[in-house]
Protein backbone atom coordinates (compact mmCIF):
# COMPACT_ATOMS: atom_id res chain seq x y z
CA MET A 1 46.85 -46.60 -53.21
CA ILE A 2 49.31 -48.51 -55.62
CA VAL A 3 53.32 -48.50 -54.28
CA VAL A 4 55.68 -49.35 -56.36
CA ALA A 5 59.33 -50.62 -54.91
CA GLU A 6 62.20 -49.84 -57.55
CA GLY A 7 65.97 -49.68 -57.06
CA PRO A 8 68.74 -52.03 -59.17
CA SER A 9 69.43 -55.34 -57.93
CA ALA A 10 70.00 -55.80 -54.98
CA ALA A 11 68.52 -52.69 -53.52
CA GLY A 12 66.17 -54.93 -51.13
CA LYS A 13 62.56 -54.06 -53.24
CA SER A 14 62.08 -57.81 -52.50
CA ARG A 15 62.86 -57.80 -48.65
CA TYR A 16 60.82 -54.37 -48.38
CA VAL A 17 57.90 -55.87 -50.47
CA ARG A 18 57.92 -59.13 -48.57
CA THR A 19 56.76 -57.15 -45.45
CA HIS A 20 53.29 -56.86 -47.05
CA ASP A 21 50.52 -59.34 -46.96
CA SER A 22 51.05 -61.37 -50.07
CA ARG A 23 47.41 -60.23 -51.02
CA ARG A 24 48.71 -56.78 -51.29
CA VAL A 25 51.83 -57.61 -53.49
CA VAL A 26 51.95 -58.10 -57.02
CA ASP A 27 55.25 -59.24 -57.99
CA GLU A 28 57.83 -58.87 -60.52
CA ASN A 29 58.04 -60.63 -64.06
CA PRO A 30 59.50 -63.16 -64.04
CA GLY A 31 62.67 -63.62 -64.59
CA HIS A 32 62.73 -66.17 -67.32
CA LEU A 33 60.09 -63.61 -69.14
CA LYS A 34 61.27 -61.87 -72.82
CA PRO A 35 60.09 -61.48 -76.43
CA PRO A 36 61.16 -63.79 -79.41
CA ALA A 37 64.98 -63.43 -80.06
CA THR A 38 63.40 -62.40 -83.86
CA ALA A 39 61.33 -59.89 -82.32
CA THR A 40 61.41 -56.15 -84.25
CA ALA A 41 61.73 -52.92 -81.68
CA GLU A 42 58.16 -52.02 -81.93
CA GLU A 43 57.30 -55.79 -80.74
CA GLU A 44 59.32 -55.88 -78.11
CA SER A 45 58.11 -52.73 -77.07
CA ARG A 46 54.79 -53.44 -77.45
CA PHE A 47 55.32 -57.18 -75.50
CA TRP A 48 56.77 -54.90 -72.27
CA VAL A 49 54.32 -52.38 -72.43
CA GLU A 50 51.20 -55.77 -72.47
CA CYS A 51 53.28 -57.37 -69.31
CA GLY A 52 53.08 -53.96 -67.76
CA GLU A 53 49.51 -53.53 -68.14
CA ARG A 54 49.14 -56.96 -66.40
CA ARG A 55 50.60 -56.12 -63.47
CA TRP A 56 49.00 -52.85 -63.36
CA ALA A 57 45.33 -54.44 -63.78
CA GLN A 58 46.69 -56.96 -61.35
CA ALA A 59 47.58 -53.59 -58.81
CA VAL A 60 44.52 -51.89 -59.66
CA ARG A 61 42.10 -55.52 -58.34
CA ARG A 62 44.46 -55.84 -55.38
CA GLU A 63 43.96 -52.01 -54.91
CA ALA A 64 39.99 -52.53 -54.65
CA ALA A 65 40.37 -55.57 -52.44
CA GLU A 66 42.67 -54.48 -49.90
CA GLY A 67 42.81 -50.53 -49.75
CA PHE A 68 46.42 -50.45 -51.12
CA THR A 69 49.20 -52.71 -52.87
CA VAL A 70 52.34 -52.72 -53.01
CA CYS A 71 54.48 -53.62 -56.39
CA ASP A 72 57.88 -55.28 -56.68
CA THR A 73 59.31 -52.93 -59.71
CA ASP A 74 57.30 -50.15 -61.67
CA PRO A 75 54.43 -51.47 -64.16
CA LEU A 76 55.03 -48.22 -66.05
CA LYS A 77 58.84 -50.14 -66.86
CA LEU A 78 59.65 -47.43 -69.62
CA HIS A 79 62.56 -46.80 -67.54
CA PHE A 80 64.29 -49.50 -68.47
CA ALA A 81 64.40 -49.05 -72.10
CA TRP A 82 65.68 -45.23 -71.81
CA SER A 83 68.08 -46.16 -68.67
CA LEU A 84 69.86 -48.95 -71.24
CA ALA A 85 69.89 -45.85 -73.88
CA ARG A 86 70.99 -42.85 -71.48
CA ALA A 87 73.60 -45.56 -70.34
CA ARG A 88 75.01 -45.89 -73.93
CA ILE A 89 73.60 -50.09 -73.60
CA ALA A 90 72.51 -51.74 -76.51
CA PRO A 91 69.86 -51.53 -77.61
CA ALA A 92 69.59 -47.96 -79.07
CA PRO A 93 67.41 -45.25 -78.47
CA ASP A 94 64.84 -47.09 -80.73
CA LEU A 95 63.19 -48.98 -77.94
CA PHE A 96 62.48 -45.96 -75.95
CA GLU A 97 60.65 -44.00 -78.42
CA SER A 98 59.03 -47.27 -79.72
CA GLN A 99 57.75 -47.89 -75.99
CA LEU A 100 57.12 -44.47 -74.93
CA VAL A 101 54.63 -44.45 -77.65
CA LEU A 102 52.59 -47.34 -76.67
CA THR A 103 53.09 -46.43 -73.29
CA ARG A 104 51.69 -42.75 -73.74
CA ALA A 105 48.64 -44.61 -75.41
CA ALA A 106 48.24 -47.09 -72.59
CA ILE A 107 48.17 -44.21 -70.10
CA ALA A 108 45.19 -42.35 -72.54
CA ARG A 109 43.70 -45.86 -71.89
CA ARG A 110 43.99 -46.08 -68.36
CA THR A 111 45.43 -49.65 -68.18
CA LEU A 112 48.80 -47.93 -67.08
CA GLY A 113 49.50 -45.23 -64.39
CA ILE A 114 51.56 -43.69 -62.92
CA ALA A 115 51.95 -44.67 -58.98
CA ASP A 116 50.77 -42.95 -56.37
CA LEU A 117 54.12 -43.62 -54.27
CA ILE A 118 57.39 -44.45 -55.89
CA ALA A 119 60.27 -45.82 -53.49
CA CYS A 120 63.36 -45.57 -55.49
CA VAL A 121 66.21 -46.87 -53.30
CA ILE A 122 69.67 -46.71 -55.01
CA PRO A 123 72.19 -47.79 -52.35
CA SER A 124 76.13 -47.34 -53.05
CA GLU A 125 77.70 -49.63 -55.54
CA ALA A 126 79.81 -50.91 -53.25
CA VAL A 127 76.88 -52.22 -50.76
CA LEU A 128 74.80 -53.34 -54.51
CA ARG A 129 77.67 -55.83 -54.38
CA GLU A 130 78.37 -56.64 -50.74
CA ARG A 131 74.84 -58.02 -50.92
CA ARG A 132 74.94 -60.44 -54.10
CA GLU A 133 77.97 -61.92 -52.83
CA GLY A 134 76.16 -62.66 -49.30
CA ASP A 135 73.14 -63.79 -51.29
CA THR A 136 73.65 -67.23 -52.47
CA THR A 137 70.09 -68.06 -52.87
CA ARG A 138 69.52 -65.55 -56.45
CA GLN A 139 72.04 -65.88 -59.69
CA ARG A 140 71.16 -61.87 -59.94
CA ARG A 141 71.96 -62.14 -63.72
CA ASN A 142 73.05 -59.32 -65.72
CA PHE A 143 73.81 -58.02 -62.32
CA ASP A 144 76.76 -55.82 -63.70
CA THR A 145 74.43 -53.84 -66.16
CA HIS A 146 71.88 -53.27 -63.59
CA VAL A 147 74.55 -51.27 -61.34
CA ARG A 148 75.02 -49.41 -64.73
CA LEU A 149 71.81 -48.61 -64.92
CA ALA A 150 71.26 -47.11 -61.15
CA ARG A 151 72.35 -43.41 -62.22
CA PRO A 152 69.95 -43.49 -65.02
CA LEU A 153 67.21 -44.57 -62.50
CA PHE A 154 67.89 -42.24 -59.96
CA GLU A 155 67.79 -39.43 -62.77
CA TRP A 156 64.52 -40.81 -64.38
CA TYR A 157 62.71 -41.03 -60.94
CA GLY A 158 64.31 -37.77 -60.01
CA THR A 159 62.82 -35.72 -63.03
CA LEU A 160 59.35 -37.17 -61.77
CA ASN A 161 59.93 -35.91 -58.25
CA ASP A 162 60.92 -32.95 -59.42
CA ILE A 163 57.49 -31.90 -61.52
CA ASP A 164 55.53 -33.47 -58.76
CA PRO A 165 57.12 -33.51 -55.50
CA GLY A 166 56.58 -36.11 -52.74
CA ARG A 167 56.05 -38.81 -55.36
CA VAL A 168 59.03 -40.30 -55.18
CA ILE A 169 60.80 -40.97 -51.42
CA ARG A 170 64.54 -42.19 -51.53
CA GLU A 171 63.64 -44.86 -48.62
CA TRP A 172 61.48 -47.78 -48.08
CA PRO A 173 58.42 -46.59 -46.04
CA ASP A 174 58.57 -47.14 -42.27
CA ASP A 175 54.96 -48.18 -41.92
CA SER A 176 52.68 -51.14 -43.24
CA ALA A 177 50.43 -48.80 -45.07
CA PRO A 178 52.63 -45.86 -46.68
CA SER A 179 50.73 -42.98 -47.05
CA ALA A 180 50.84 -40.53 -50.21
CA ARG A 181 48.44 -37.72 -51.27
CA SER A 182 45.26 -38.93 -52.50
CA ASP A 183 44.54 -36.29 -55.25
CA ARG A 184 47.54 -37.00 -57.42
CA ASP A 185 46.22 -38.25 -61.04
CA ARG A 186 47.72 -41.59 -62.29
CA TYR A 187 46.56 -40.98 -65.73
CA ASP A 188 47.92 -37.27 -66.50
CA LEU A 189 48.57 -37.39 -69.86
CA ASP A 190 50.01 -33.33 -68.72
CA LEU A 191 52.68 -34.76 -66.27
CA PHE A 192 53.88 -37.66 -68.19
CA ASP A 193 54.73 -35.50 -71.24
CA THR A 194 56.70 -32.67 -68.74
CA TRP A 195 58.32 -35.85 -67.62
CA MET A 196 59.75 -37.25 -70.62
CA GLU A 197 60.23 -33.27 -72.14
CA GLN A 198 62.42 -32.72 -68.90
CA LEU A 199 64.28 -36.16 -68.99
CA PRO A 200 68.10 -35.76 -69.49
CA ALA A 201 68.68 -36.42 -73.00
CA VAL A 202 70.07 -39.76 -74.49
């Protein structure tokens, strides 16, 4: 089973992930990781999809070795480009459309997938800001942008759960080995297409 911990900055993702054995954890991409400044929308999209593919491959390997794995943020990171467009923050929707094509192709060849269980926890803005102020160990760059993206993130995963109930939960699982339905298809293109079609317009 592959579990994803998702939410805005200061939601508690890393804290939850650290409750698991490090052998079962797939860390978030390093904060300094980014495509070249001169990259086109297509090149930037390919960069991020390939980053997701590497993390997904790591998750699959760790699942095979340990029984389940927990990812600190979703390897299927398409939600970020969509949320930027939904919140009307640059870049334009072109980046989402470009990533959408590449992400769908990656799912078709099974190098990216939809996690079995996604814990998407979105505290209130007041709680996020309080946690940020109380944590002197992290810079949390672009924090205000991530706060603005919280609502679109809620919509993104809410749409998935409307189509496939129980795949998304809104709290961190209590058990050290979270449970999910065993019949969920990670590479279901019909599910993915329906998800994309039912998202709110950007």
